[in-house]
Amino acid sequence: MTALAMLIGMLPMSLALGEGGEQNAPLGRAVIGGLAVATVYTLFFVPVMYSLMRRRTPKILTAEQEA
């Protein structure tokens, strides 16, 4: 929700609306792109990597291996 609000809030800046807007437009586009990529990673990449790492069965150590 907060990422979506930030993306929508940055739209006027990235569209270069208003006087001098063309100077700030690249910054707005960079912020939108970075936030979109970070959101996708957070929602999809991180849980997938966690589940892949969690699938491995834990090793059971014997008394000899612990020492």
PDB file of N, CA and C in Angstrom:
ATOM      1  N   MET A   1       0.819  -1.187   0.000  1.00  0.00           N
ATOM      2  CA  MET A   1       0.000   0.000   0.000  1.00  0.00           C
ATOM      3  C   MET A   1       0.868   1.258   0.000  1.00  0.00           C
ATOM      4  N   THR A   2       1.875   1.272   0.857  1.00  0.00           N
ATOM      5  CA  THR A   2       2.720   2.470   0.901  1.00  0.00           C
ATOM      6  C   THR A   2       3.537   2.614  -0.369  1.00  0.00           C
ATOM      7  N   ALA A   3       3.989   1.500  -0.936  1.00  0.00           N
ATOM      8  CA  ALA A   3       4.737   1.573  -2.194  1.00  0.00           C
ATOM      9  C   ALA A   3       3.846   2.092  -3.311  1.00  0.00           C
ATOM     10  N   LEU A   4       2.611   1.638  -3.350  1.00  0.00           N
ATOM     11  CA  LEU A   4       1.676   2.118  -4.365  1.00  0.00           C
ATOM     12  C   LEU A   4       1.396   3.607  -4.190  1.00  0.00           C
ATOM     13  N   ALA A   5       1.232   4.054  -2.965  1.00  0.00           N
ATOM     14  CA  ALA A   5       1.005   5.477  -2.710  1.00  0.00           C
ATOM     15  C   ALA A   5       2.212   6.303  -3.142  1.00  0.00           C
ATOM     16  N   MET A   6       3.393   5.795  -2.889  1.00  0.00           N
ATOM     17  CA  MET A   6       4.608   6.503  -3.298  1.00  0.00           C
ATOM     18  C   MET A   6       4.721   6.560  -4.813  1.00  0.00           C
ATOM     19  N   LEU A   7       4.396   5.458  -5.481  1.00  0.00           N
ATOM     20  CA  LEU A   7       4.440   5.445  -6.946  1.00  0.00           C
ATOM     21  C   LEU A   7       3.464   6.454  -7.537  1.00  0.00           C
ATOM     22  N   ILE A   8       2.266   6.477  -7.005  1.00  0.00           N
ATOM     23  CA  ILE A   8       1.267   7.425  -7.500  1.00  0.00           C
ATOM     24  C   ILE A   8       1.683   8.855  -7.191  1.00  0.00           C
ATOM     25  N   GLY A   9       2.282   9.061  -6.031  1.00  0.00           N
ATOM     26  CA  GLY A   9       2.736  10.400  -5.664  1.00  0.00           C
ATOM     27  C   GLY A   9       3.881  10.899  -6.528  1.00  0.00           C
ATOM     28  N   MET A  10       4.684  10.012  -7.057  1.00  0.00           N
ATOM     29  CA  MET A  10       5.815  10.401  -7.895  1.00  0.00           C
ATOM     30  C   MET A  10       5.439  10.590  -9.362  1.00  0.00           C
ATOM     31  N   LEU A  11       4.248  10.188  -9.745  1.00  0.00           N
ATOM     32  CA  LEU A  11       3.836  10.320 -11.147  1.00  0.00           C
ATOM     33  C   LEU A  11       3.911  11.752 -11.671  1.00  0.00           C
ATOM     34  N   PRO A  12       3.386  12.750 -10.964  1.00  0.00           N
ATOM     35  CA  PRO A  12       3.498  14.115 -11.507  1.00  0.00           C
ATOM     36  C   PRO A  12       4.949  14.553 -11.717  1.00  0.00           C
ATOM     37  N   MET A  13       5.820  14.136 -10.818  1.00  0.00           N
ATOM     38  CA  MET A  13       7.231  14.500 -10.955  1.00  0.00           C
ATOM     39  C   MET A  13       7.848  13.822 -12.173  1.00  0.00           C
ATOM     40  N   SER A  14       7.515  12.566 -12.404  1.00  0.00           N
ATOM     41  CA  SER A  14       8.115  11.830 -13.521  1.00  0.00           C
ATOM     42  C   SER A  14       7.536  12.243 -14.871  1.00  0.00           C
ATOM     43  N   LEU A  15       6.354  12.822 -14.877  1.00  0.00           N
ATOM     44  CA  LEU A  15       5.733  13.245 -16.135  1.00  0.00           C
ATOM     45  C   LEU A  15       6.173  14.636 -16.568  1.00  0.00           C
ATOM     46  N   ALA A  16       7.023  15.287 -15.770  1.00  0.00           N
ATOM     47  CA  ALA A  16       7.564  16.615 -16.072  1.00  0.00           C
ATOM     48  C   ALA A  16       6.454  17.643 -16.231  1.00  0.00           C
ATOM     49  N   LEU A  17       5.490  17.614 -15.323  1.00  0.00           N
ATOM     50  CA  LEU A  17       4.420  18.596 -15.350  1.00  0.00           C
ATOM     51  C   LEU A  17       4.872  19.870 -14.644  1.00  0.00           C
ATOM     52  N   GLY A  18       4.456  20.979 -15.135  1.00  0.00           N
ATOM     53  CA  GLY A  18       4.770  22.252 -14.490  1.00  0.00           C
ATOM     54  C   GLY A  18       6.080  22.836 -14.986  1.00  0.00           C
ATOM     55  N   GLU A  19       6.344  24.033 -14.472  1.00  0.00           N
ATOM     56  CA  GLU A  19       7.541  24.754 -14.888  1.00  0.00           C
ATOM     57  C   GLU A  19       8.788  24.131 -14.255  1.00  0.00           C
ATOM     58  N   GLY A  20       9.791  23.879 -15.069  1.00  0.00           N
ATOM     59  CA  GLY A  20      11.013  23.253 -14.587  1.00  0.00           C
ATOM     60  C   GLY A  20      10.878  21.766 -14.316  1.00  0.00           C
ATOM     61  N   GLY A  21       9.772  21.197 -14.700  1.00  0.00           N
ATOM     62  CA  GLY A  21       9.529  19.784 -14.435  1.00  0.00           C
ATOM     63  C   GLY A  21      10.443  18.853 -15.195  1.00  0.00           C
ATOM     64  N   GLU A  22      10.891  19.293 -16.370  1.00  0.00           N
ATOM     65  CA  GLU A  22      11.765  18.427 -17.161  1.00  0.00           C
ATOM     66  C   GLU A  22      13.117  18.209 -16.485  1.00  0.00           C
ATOM     67  N   GLN A  23      13.440  19.066 -15.533  1.00  0.00           N
ATOM     68  CA  GLN A  23      14.691  18.900 -14.804  1.00  0.00           C
ATOM     69  C   GLN A  23      14.575  17.797 -13.741  1.00  0.00           C
ATOM     70  N   ASN A  24      13.412  17.641 -13.151  1.00  0.00           N
ATOM     71  CA  ASN A  24      13.207  16.646 -12.096  1.00  0.00           C
ATOM     72  C   ASN A  24      12.648  15.323 -12.607  1.00  0.00           C
ATOM     73  N   ALA A  25      12.234  15.275 -13.857  1.00  0.00           N
ATOM     74  CA  ALA A  25      11.611  14.063 -14.400  1.00  0.00           C
ATOM     75  C   ALA A  25      12.514  12.825 -14.307  1.00  0.00           C
ATOM     76  N   PRO A  26      13.800  12.920 -14.645  1.00  0.00           N
ATOM     77  CA  PRO A  26      14.638  11.704 -14.529  1.00  0.00           C
ATOM     78  C   PRO A  26      14.729  11.179 -13.096  1.00  0.00           C
ATOM     79  N   LEU A  27      14.761  12.072 -12.133  1.00  0.00           N
ATOM     80  CA  LEU A  27      14.799  11.645 -10.739  1.00  0.00           C
ATOM     81  C   LEU A  27      13.510  10.909 -10.378  1.00  0.00           C
ATOM     82  N   GLY A  28      12.378  11.447 -10.805  1.00  0.00           N
ATOM     83  CA  GLY A  28      11.098  10.795 -10.529  1.00  0.00           C
ATOM     84  C   GLY A  28      11.006   9.428 -11.167  1.00  0.00           C
ATOM     85  N   ARG A  29      11.500   9.311 -12.381  1.00  0.00           N
ATOM     86  CA  ARG A  29      11.474   8.008 -13.062  1.00  0.00           C
ATOM     87  C   ARG A  29      12.392   7.003 -12.380  1.00  0.00           C
ATOM     88  N   ALA A  30      13.544   7.468 -11.916  1.00  0.00           N
ATOM     89  CA  ALA A  30      14.470   6.576 -11.223  1.00  0.00           C
ATOM     90  C   ALA A  30      13.884   6.087  -9.897  1.00  0.00           C
ATOM     91  N   VAL A  31      13.221   6.979  -9.190  1.00  0.00           N
ATOM     92  CA  VAL A  31      12.607   6.595  -7.920  1.00  0.00           C
ATOM     93  C   VAL A  31      11.488   5.590  -8.160  1.00  0.00           C
ATOM     94  N   ILE A  32      10.669   5.826  -9.158  1.00  0.00           N
ATOM     95  CA  ILE A  32       9.574   4.907  -9.474  1.00  0.00           C
ATOM     96  C   ILE A  32      10.124   3.533  -9.884  1.00  0.00           C
ATOM     97  N   GLY A  33      11.141   3.519 -10.730  1.00  0.00           N
ATOM     98  CA  GLY A  33      11.727   2.255 -11.159  1.00  0.00           C
ATOM     99  C   GLY A  33      12.352   1.488 -10.005  1.00  0.00           C
ATOM    100  N   GLY A  34      13.098   2.169  -9.172  1.00  0.00           N
ATOM    101  CA  GLY A  34      13.726   1.514  -8.031  1.00  0.00           C
ATOM    102  C   GLY A  34      12.719   0.982  -7.038  1.00  0.00           C
ATOM    103  N   LEU A  35      11.697   1.758  -6.784  1.00  0.00           N
ATOM    104  CA  LEU A  35      10.668   1.319  -5.845  1.00  0.00           C
ATOM    105  C   LEU A  35       9.870   0.143  -6.403  1.00  0.00           C
ATOM    106  N   ALA A  36       9.609   0.158  -7.689  1.00  0.00           N
ATOM    107  CA  ALA A  36       8.884  -0.956  -8.308  1.00  0.00           C
ATOM    108  C   ALA A  36       9.707  -2.247  -8.252  1.00  0.00           C
ATOM    109  N   VAL A  37      10.993  -2.150  -8.558  1.00  0.00           N
ATOM    110  CA  VAL A  37      11.858  -3.340  -8.514  1.00  0.00           C
ATOM    111  C   VAL A  37      11.986  -3.855  -7.089  1.00  0.00           C
ATOM    112  N   ALA A  38      12.169  -2.954  -6.137  1.00  0.00           N
ATOM    113  CA  ALA A  38      12.296  -3.373  -4.736  1.00  0.00           C
ATOM    114  C   ALA A  38      11.019  -4.030  -4.233  1.00  0.00           C
ATOM    115  N   THR A  39       9.869  -3.522  -4.666  1.00  0.00           N
ATOM    116  CA  THR A  39       8.599  -4.103  -4.247  1.00  0.00           C
ATOM    117  C   THR A  39       8.423  -5.507  -4.826  1.00  0.00           C
ATOM    118  N   VAL A  40       8.769  -5.675  -6.088  1.00  0.00           N
ATOM    119  CA  VAL A  40       8.659  -6.997  -6.720  1.00  0.00           C
ATOM    120  C   VAL A  40       9.596  -7.990  -6.033  1.00  0.00           C
ATOM    121  N   TYR A  41      10.822  -7.555  -5.752  1.00  0.00           N
ATOM    122  CA  TYR A  41      11.756  -8.440  -5.053  1.00  0.00           C
ATOM    123  C   TYR A  41      11.222  -8.822  -3.680  1.00  0.00           C
ATOM    124  N   THR A  42      10.677  -7.856  -2.972  1.00  0.00           N
ATOM    125  CA  THR A  42      10.179  -8.129  -1.632  1.00  0.00           C
ATOM    126  C   THR A  42       8.991  -9.078  -1.656  1.00  0.00           C
ATOM    127  N   LEU A  43       8.126  -8.921  -2.628  1.00  0.00           N
ATOM    128  CA  LEU A  43       6.906  -9.726  -2.668  1.00  0.00           C
ATOM    129  C   LEU A  43       7.095 -11.110  -3.285  1.00  0.00           C
ATOM    130  N   PHE A  44       8.055 -11.257  -4.188  1.00  0.00           N
ATOM    131  CA  PHE A  44       8.197 -12.520  -4.896  1.00  0.00           C
ATOM    132  C   PHE A  44       9.557 -13.179  -4.695  1.00  0.00           C
ATOM    133  N   PHE A  45      10.635 -12.472  -4.927  1.00  0.00           N
ATOM    134  CA  PHE A  45      11.973 -13.053  -4.909  1.00  0.00           C
ATOM    135  C   PHE A  45      12.368 -13.546  -3.517  1.00  0.00           C
ATOM    136  N   VAL A  46      12.172 -12.730  -2.510  1.00  0.00           N
ATOM    137  CA  VAL A  46      12.582 -13.098  -1.154  1.00  0.00           C
ATOM    138  C   VAL A  46      11.809 -14.320  -0.644  1.00  0.00           C
ATOM    139  N   PRO A  47      10.481 -14.387  -0.764  1.00  0.00           N
ATOM    140  CA  PRO A  47       9.785 -15.593  -0.306  1.00  0.00           C
ATOM    141  C   PRO A  47      10.166 -16.855  -1.086  1.00  0.00           C
ATOM    142  N   VAL A  48      10.406 -16.725  -2.371  1.00  0.00           N
ATOM    143  CA  VAL A  48      10.806 -17.894  -3.162  1.00  0.00           C
ATOM    144  C   VAL A  48      12.168 -18.393  -2.704  1.00  0.00           C
ATOM    145  N   MET A  49      13.109 -17.487  -2.498  1.00  0.00           N
ATOM    146  CA  MET A  49      14.429 -17.903  -2.031  1.00  0.00           C
ATOM    147  C   MET A  49      14.349 -18.521  -0.635  1.00  0.00           C
ATOM    148  N   TYR A  50      13.526 -17.959   0.218  1.00  0.00           N
ATOM    149  CA  TYR A  50      13.366 -18.521   1.563  1.00  0.00           C
ATOM    150  C   TYR A  50      12.809 -19.939   1.488  1.00  0.00           C
ATOM    151  N   SER A  51      11.795 -20.139   0.660  1.00  0.00           N
ATOM    152  CA  SER A  51      11.200 -21.474   0.568  1.00  0.00           C
ATOM    153  C   SER A  51      12.173 -22.478  -0.050  1.00  0.00           C
ATOM    154  N   LEU A  52      12.991 -22.032  -0.988  1.00  0.00           N
ATOM    155  CA  LEU A  52      13.990 -22.936  -1.568  1.00  0.00           C
ATOM    156  C   LEU A  52      15.045 -23.324  -0.541  1.00  0.00           C
ATOM    157  N   MET A  53      15.457 -22.385   0.269  1.00  0.00           N
ATOM    158  CA  MET A  53      16.462 -22.696   1.299  1.00  0.00           C
ATOM    159  C   MET A  53      15.865 -23.527   2.423  1.00  0.00           C
ATOM    160  N   ARG A  54      14.612 -23.342   2.687  1.00  0.00           N
ATOM    161  CA  ARG A  54      13.952 -24.049   3.785  1.00  0.00           C
ATOM    162  C   ARG A  54      13.667 -25.506   3.432  1.00  0.00           C
ATOM    163  N   ARG A  55      13.611 -25.844   2.157  1.00  0.00           N
ATOM    164  CA  ARG A  55      13.319 -27.217   1.721  1.00  0.00           C
ATOM    165  C   ARG A  55      14.397 -28.195   2.122  1.00  0.00           C
ATOM    166  N   ARG A  56      15.606 -27.722   2.228  1.00  0.00           N
ATOM    167  CA  ARG A  56      16.704 -28.621   2.587  1.00  0.00           C
ATOM    168  C   ARG A  56      16.478 -29.156   3.988  1.00  0.00           C
ATOM    169  N   THR A  57      16.604 -30.461   4.117  1.00  0.00           N
ATOM    170  CA  THR A  57      16.397 -31.078   5.433  1.00  0.00           C
ATOM    171  C   THR A  57      17.599 -30.774   6.321  1.00  0.00           C
ATOM    172  N   PRO A  58      17.352 -30.498   7.568  1.00  0.00           N
ATOM    173  CA  PRO A  58      18.470 -30.215   8.469  1.00  0.00           C
ATOM    174  C   PRO A  58      19.294 -31.471   8.727  1.00  0.00           C
ATOM    175  N   LYS A  59      20.568 -31.266   8.863  1.00  0.00           N
ATOM    176  CA  LYS A  59      21.466 -32.398   9.130  1.00  0.00           C
ATOM    177  C   LYS A  59      21.403 -32.741  10.614  1.00  0.00           C
ATOM    178  N   ILE A  60      21.310 -34.019  10.892  1.00  0.00           N
ATOM    179  CA  ILE A  60      21.305 -34.485  12.275  1.00  0.00           C
ATOM    180  C   ILE A  60      22.718 -34.946  12.598  1.00  0.00           C
ATOM    181  N   LEU A  61      23.319 -34.277  13.550  1.00  0.00           N
ATOM    182  CA  LEU A  61      24.689 -34.598  13.915  1.00  0.00           C
ATOM    183  C   LEU A  61      24.718 -35.656  15.006  1.00  0.00           C
ATOM    184  N   THR A  62      25.641 -36.573  14.862  1.00  0.00           N
ATOM    185  CA  THR A  62      25.850 -37.559  15.915  1.00  0.00           C
ATOM    186  C   THR A  62      26.767 -36.973  16.976  1.00  0.00           C
ATOM    187  N   ALA A  63      26.931 -37.674  18.070  1.00  0.00           N
ATOM    188  CA  ALA A  63      27.788 -37.190  19.168  1.00  0.00           C
ATOM    189  C   ALA A  63      29.229 -37.044  18.696  1.00  0.00           C
ATOM    190  N   GLU A  64      29.680 -37.902  17.825  1.00  0.00           N
ATOM    191  CA  GLU A  64      31.052 -37.830  17.317  1.00  0.00           C
ATOM    192  C   GLU A  64      31.257 -36.610  16.439  1.00  0.00           C
ATOM    193  N   GLN A  65      30.260 -36.256  15.641  1.00  0.00           N
ATOM    194  CA  GLN A  65      30.379 -35.121  14.744  1.00  0.00           C
ATOM    195  C   GLN A  65      30.304 -33.797  15.495  1.00  0.00           C
ATOM    196  N   GLU A  66      29.606 -33.741  16.593  1.00  0.00           N
ATOM    197  CA  GLU A  66      29.473 -32.508  17.348  1.00  0.00           C
ATOM    198  C   GLU A  66      30.782 -32.109  18.013  1.00  0.00           C
ATOM    199  N   ALA A  67      31.574 -33.065  18.408  1.00  0.00           N
ATOM    200  CA  ALA A  67      32.810 -32.775  19.141  1.00  0.00           C
ATOM    201  C   ALA A  67      33.951 -32.424  18.227  1.00  0.00           C
TER     202      ALA A  67
END
